[in-house]
Amino acid sequence: RRTGVVMGVTVPLVSTEDAILSKLEWARKAESERQLRDVAAMIGAQGPSLDRDSIERWACSLGVLDTWRTLAGS
């Protein structure tokens, strides 16, 4: 996490990559299709700017690599 200023208030921010990993974990634990749709939308919105190597490494550690690869089309 990092911090940023939103409307003059310092708030914690999470990277898109971290949000994707969190949603992939949640989808696995809760069998949530909504989380998978969210991840697909995030991939579509961020496209090539995502740090895919980092996501791959963490997805492997978290046990969600297959799901990530399916959604990412890799």
N, C-alpha and C. Protein backbone atom coordinates (compact mmCIF):
# COMPACT_ATOMS: atom_id res chain seq x y z
N ARG A 1 0.82 -1.18 0.00
CA ARG A 1 0.00 0.00 0.00
C ARG A 1 0.87 1.24 0.00
N ARG A 2 0.26 2.27 -0.47
CA ARG A 2 0.91 3.57 -0.44
C ARG A 2 -0.14 4.57 0.00
N THR A 3 0.26 5.77 0.21
CA THR A 3 -0.71 6.79 0.59
C THR A 3 -0.83 7.80 -0.52
N GLY A 4 -1.96 8.45 -0.56
CA GLY A 4 -2.21 9.50 -1.52
C GLY A 4 -3.12 10.52 -0.88
N VAL A 5 -3.28 11.64 -1.54
CA VAL A 5 -4.16 12.69 -1.03
C VAL A 5 -5.38 12.77 -1.94
N VAL A 6 -6.55 12.61 -1.32
CA VAL A 6 -7.81 12.69 -2.04
C VAL A 6 -8.64 13.78 -1.38
N MET A 7 -8.96 14.81 -2.14
CA MET A 7 -9.74 15.93 -1.62
C MET A 7 -9.13 16.49 -0.34
N GLY A 8 -7.80 16.57 -0.30
CA GLY A 8 -7.10 17.15 0.82
C GLY A 8 -6.88 16.23 2.01
N VAL A 9 -7.29 14.97 1.89
CA VAL A 9 -7.16 14.01 2.98
C VAL A 9 -6.18 12.92 2.57
N THR A 10 -5.22 12.62 3.43
CA THR A 10 -4.28 11.54 3.17
C THR A 10 -4.97 10.22 3.46
N VAL A 11 -4.98 9.35 2.46
CA VAL A 11 -5.67 8.06 2.59
C VAL A 11 -4.76 6.94 2.09
N PRO A 12 -4.97 5.71 2.60
CA PRO A 12 -4.21 4.57 2.07
C PRO A 12 -4.78 4.18 0.70
N LEU A 13 -3.89 3.86 -0.21
CA LEU A 13 -4.28 3.43 -1.56
C LEU A 13 -3.72 2.04 -1.83
N VAL A 14 -4.44 1.28 -2.59
CA VAL A 14 -3.97 -0.05 -2.96
C VAL A 14 -3.76 -0.05 -4.48
N SER A 15 -2.74 -0.75 -4.93
CA SER A 15 -2.47 -0.80 -6.37
C SER A 15 -3.50 -1.69 -7.05
N THR A 16 -3.66 -1.48 -8.33
CA THR A 16 -4.58 -2.32 -9.11
C THR A 16 -4.15 -3.78 -9.02
N GLU A 17 -2.84 -4.02 -9.07
CA GLU A 17 -2.33 -5.39 -8.99
C GLU A 17 -2.73 -6.04 -7.66
N ASP A 18 -2.60 -5.30 -6.56
CA ASP A 18 -2.98 -5.85 -5.26
C ASP A 18 -4.48 -6.09 -5.17
N ALA A 19 -5.26 -5.20 -5.73
CA ALA A 19 -6.72 -5.38 -5.74
C ALA A 19 -7.10 -6.61 -6.54
N ILE A 20 -6.44 -6.83 -7.66
CA ILE A 20 -6.71 -8.02 -8.48
C ILE A 20 -6.40 -9.28 -7.68
N LEU A 21 -5.24 -9.30 -7.04
CA LEU A 21 -4.86 -10.48 -6.26
C LEU A 21 -5.84 -10.73 -5.12
N SER A 22 -6.26 -9.68 -4.47
CA SER A 22 -7.23 -9.82 -3.39
C SER A 22 -8.54 -10.39 -3.90
N LYS A 23 -9.01 -9.90 -5.02
CA LYS A 23 -10.26 -10.38 -5.60
C LYS A 23 -10.13 -11.83 -6.08
N LEU A 24 -8.97 -12.20 -6.61
CA LEU A 24 -8.76 -13.59 -7.01
C LEU A 24 -8.82 -14.53 -5.81
N GLU A 25 -8.20 -14.08 -4.71
CA GLU A 25 -8.25 -14.89 -3.48
C GLU A 25 -9.68 -15.01 -2.96
N TRP A 26 -10.38 -13.90 -2.96
CA TRP A 26 -11.75 -13.89 -2.48
C TRP A 26 -12.63 -14.79 -3.35
N ALA A 27 -12.43 -14.71 -4.66
CA ALA A 27 -13.19 -15.55 -5.59
C ALA A 27 -12.96 -17.03 -5.31
N ARG A 28 -11.72 -17.37 -5.00
CA ARG A 28 -11.41 -18.77 -4.70
C ARG A 28 -12.07 -19.21 -3.40
N LYS A 29 -11.96 -18.39 -2.38
CA LYS A 29 -12.50 -18.76 -1.08
C LYS A 29 -14.03 -18.79 -1.05
N ALA A 30 -14.65 -17.84 -1.73
CA ALA A 30 -16.11 -17.69 -1.66
C ALA A 30 -16.81 -18.19 -2.91
N GLU A 31 -16.02 -18.70 -3.88
CA GLU A 31 -16.57 -19.12 -5.17
C GLU A 31 -17.44 -18.01 -5.75
N SER A 32 -16.89 -16.81 -5.79
CA SER A 32 -17.61 -15.62 -6.18
C SER A 32 -17.38 -15.26 -7.64
N GLU A 33 -18.42 -15.38 -8.43
CA GLU A 33 -18.34 -14.99 -9.84
C GLU A 33 -18.20 -13.47 -9.97
N ARG A 34 -18.80 -12.76 -9.04
CA ARG A 34 -18.71 -11.30 -9.09
C ARG A 34 -17.26 -10.84 -9.01
N GLN A 35 -16.45 -11.45 -8.15
CA GLN A 35 -15.05 -11.07 -8.03
C GLN A 35 -14.31 -11.34 -9.33
N LEU A 36 -14.65 -12.44 -9.98
CA LEU A 36 -14.00 -12.77 -11.25
C LEU A 36 -14.39 -11.76 -12.33
N ARG A 37 -15.64 -11.34 -12.34
CA ARG A 37 -16.06 -10.31 -13.29
C ARG A 37 -15.33 -9.00 -13.02
N ASP A 38 -15.17 -8.67 -11.74
CA ASP A 38 -14.43 -7.46 -11.37
C ASP A 38 -13.00 -7.52 -11.88
N VAL A 39 -12.35 -8.67 -11.69
CA VAL A 39 -10.96 -8.82 -12.15
C VAL A 39 -10.90 -8.67 -13.67
N ALA A 40 -11.82 -9.30 -14.37
CA ALA A 40 -11.83 -9.18 -15.84
C ALA A 40 -11.98 -7.73 -16.26
N ALA A 41 -12.84 -6.99 -15.59
CA ALA A 41 -13.04 -5.58 -15.91
C ALA A 41 -11.78 -4.77 -15.61
N MET A 42 -11.11 -5.09 -14.51
CA MET A 42 -9.89 -4.37 -14.16
C MET A 42 -8.79 -4.64 -15.18
N ILE A 43 -8.70 -5.87 -15.62
CA ILE A 43 -7.71 -6.21 -16.65
C ILE A 43 -8.01 -5.42 -17.92
N GLY A 44 -9.28 -5.38 -18.29
CA GLY A 44 -9.68 -4.65 -19.49
C GLY A 44 -9.40 -3.16 -19.39
N ALA A 45 -9.63 -2.59 -18.22
CA ALA A 45 -9.44 -1.15 -18.03
C ALA A 45 -7.96 -0.78 -17.97
N GLN A 46 -7.14 -1.62 -17.35
CA GLN A 46 -5.71 -1.30 -17.16
C GLN A 46 -4.84 -1.76 -18.31
N GLY A 47 -5.26 -2.85 -18.95
CA GLY A 47 -4.53 -3.36 -20.11
C GLY A 47 -3.05 -3.54 -19.88
N PRO A 48 -2.23 -3.00 -20.79
CA PRO A 48 -0.79 -3.23 -20.73
C PRO A 48 -0.08 -2.54 -19.57
N SER A 49 -0.75 -1.66 -18.86
CA SER A 49 -0.07 -0.97 -17.76
C SER A 49 0.05 -1.82 -16.50
N LEU A 50 -0.63 -2.97 -16.46
CA LEU A 50 -0.53 -3.87 -15.31
C LEU A 50 0.85 -4.50 -15.22
N ASP A 51 1.33 -4.68 -14.01
CA ASP A 51 2.59 -5.39 -13.79
C ASP A 51 2.27 -6.88 -13.73
N ARG A 52 2.16 -7.49 -14.88
CA ARG A 52 1.74 -8.89 -14.99
C ARG A 52 2.74 -9.85 -14.37
N ASP A 53 4.01 -9.52 -14.43
CA ASP A 53 5.02 -10.39 -13.81
C ASP A 53 4.81 -10.47 -12.30
N SER A 54 4.56 -9.34 -11.70
CA SER A 54 4.31 -9.30 -10.26
C SER A 54 3.05 -10.09 -9.91
N ILE A 55 2.00 -9.88 -10.68
CA ILE A 55 0.76 -10.61 -10.43
C ILE A 55 0.99 -12.11 -10.56
N GLU A 56 1.72 -12.53 -11.57
CA GLU A 56 2.02 -13.96 -11.77
C GLU A 56 2.74 -14.54 -10.56
N ARG A 57 3.75 -13.84 -10.06
CA ARG A 57 4.51 -14.34 -8.91
C ARG A 57 3.61 -14.50 -7.69
N TRP A 58 2.84 -13.46 -7.40
CA TRP A 58 1.98 -13.50 -6.22
C TRP A 58 0.81 -14.47 -6.41
N ALA A 59 0.27 -14.55 -7.61
CA ALA A 59 -0.84 -15.47 -7.87
C ALA A 59 -0.39 -16.90 -7.63
N CYS A 60 0.84 -17.21 -8.00
CA CYS A 60 1.39 -18.54 -7.74
C CYS A 60 1.45 -18.80 -6.24
N SER A 61 1.97 -17.85 -5.48
CA SER A 61 2.09 -17.98 -4.03
C SER A 61 0.73 -18.11 -3.35
N LEU A 62 -0.28 -17.46 -3.90
CA LEU A 62 -1.61 -17.45 -3.30
C LEU A 62 -2.51 -18.59 -3.78
N GLY A 63 -2.02 -19.35 -4.74
CA GLY A 63 -2.80 -20.48 -5.24
C GLY A 63 -3.91 -20.10 -6.20
N VAL A 64 -3.74 -18.95 -6.90
CA VAL A 64 -4.77 -18.50 -7.84
C VAL A 64 -4.21 -18.28 -9.24
N LEU A 65 -3.07 -18.91 -9.52
CA LEU A 65 -2.40 -18.69 -10.80
C LEU A 65 -3.25 -19.14 -11.98
N ASP A 66 -3.88 -20.30 -11.88
CA ASP A 66 -4.70 -20.78 -13.00
C ASP A 66 -5.83 -19.83 -13.31
N THR A 67 -6.47 -19.33 -12.27
CA THR A 67 -7.57 -18.39 -12.47
C THR A 67 -7.07 -17.10 -13.10
N TRP A 68 -5.95 -16.59 -12.60
CA TRP A 68 -5.35 -15.39 -13.17
C TRP A 68 -5.06 -15.58 -14.65
N ARG A 69 -4.42 -16.69 -14.98
CA ARG A 69 -4.04 -16.94 -16.38
C ARG A 69 -5.28 -17.07 -17.27
N THR A 70 -6.32 -17.68 -16.77
CA THR A 70 -7.56 -17.79 -17.54
C THR A 70 -8.13 -16.41 -17.81
N LEU A 71 -8.22 -15.58 -16.79
CA LEU A 71 -8.81 -14.25 -16.95
C LEU A 71 -7.92 -13.31 -17.77
N ALA A 72 -6.61 -13.47 -17.61
CA ALA A 72 -5.67 -12.60 -18.31
C ALA A 72 -5.42 -13.05 -19.74
N GLY A 73 -5.91 -14.23 -20.07
CA GLY A 73 -5.72 -14.73 -21.43
C GLY A 73 -4.31 -15.18 -21.71
N SER A 74 -3.59 -15.60 -20.64
CA SER A 74 -2.21 -16.05 -20.86
C SER A 74 -2.05 -17.52 -20.59
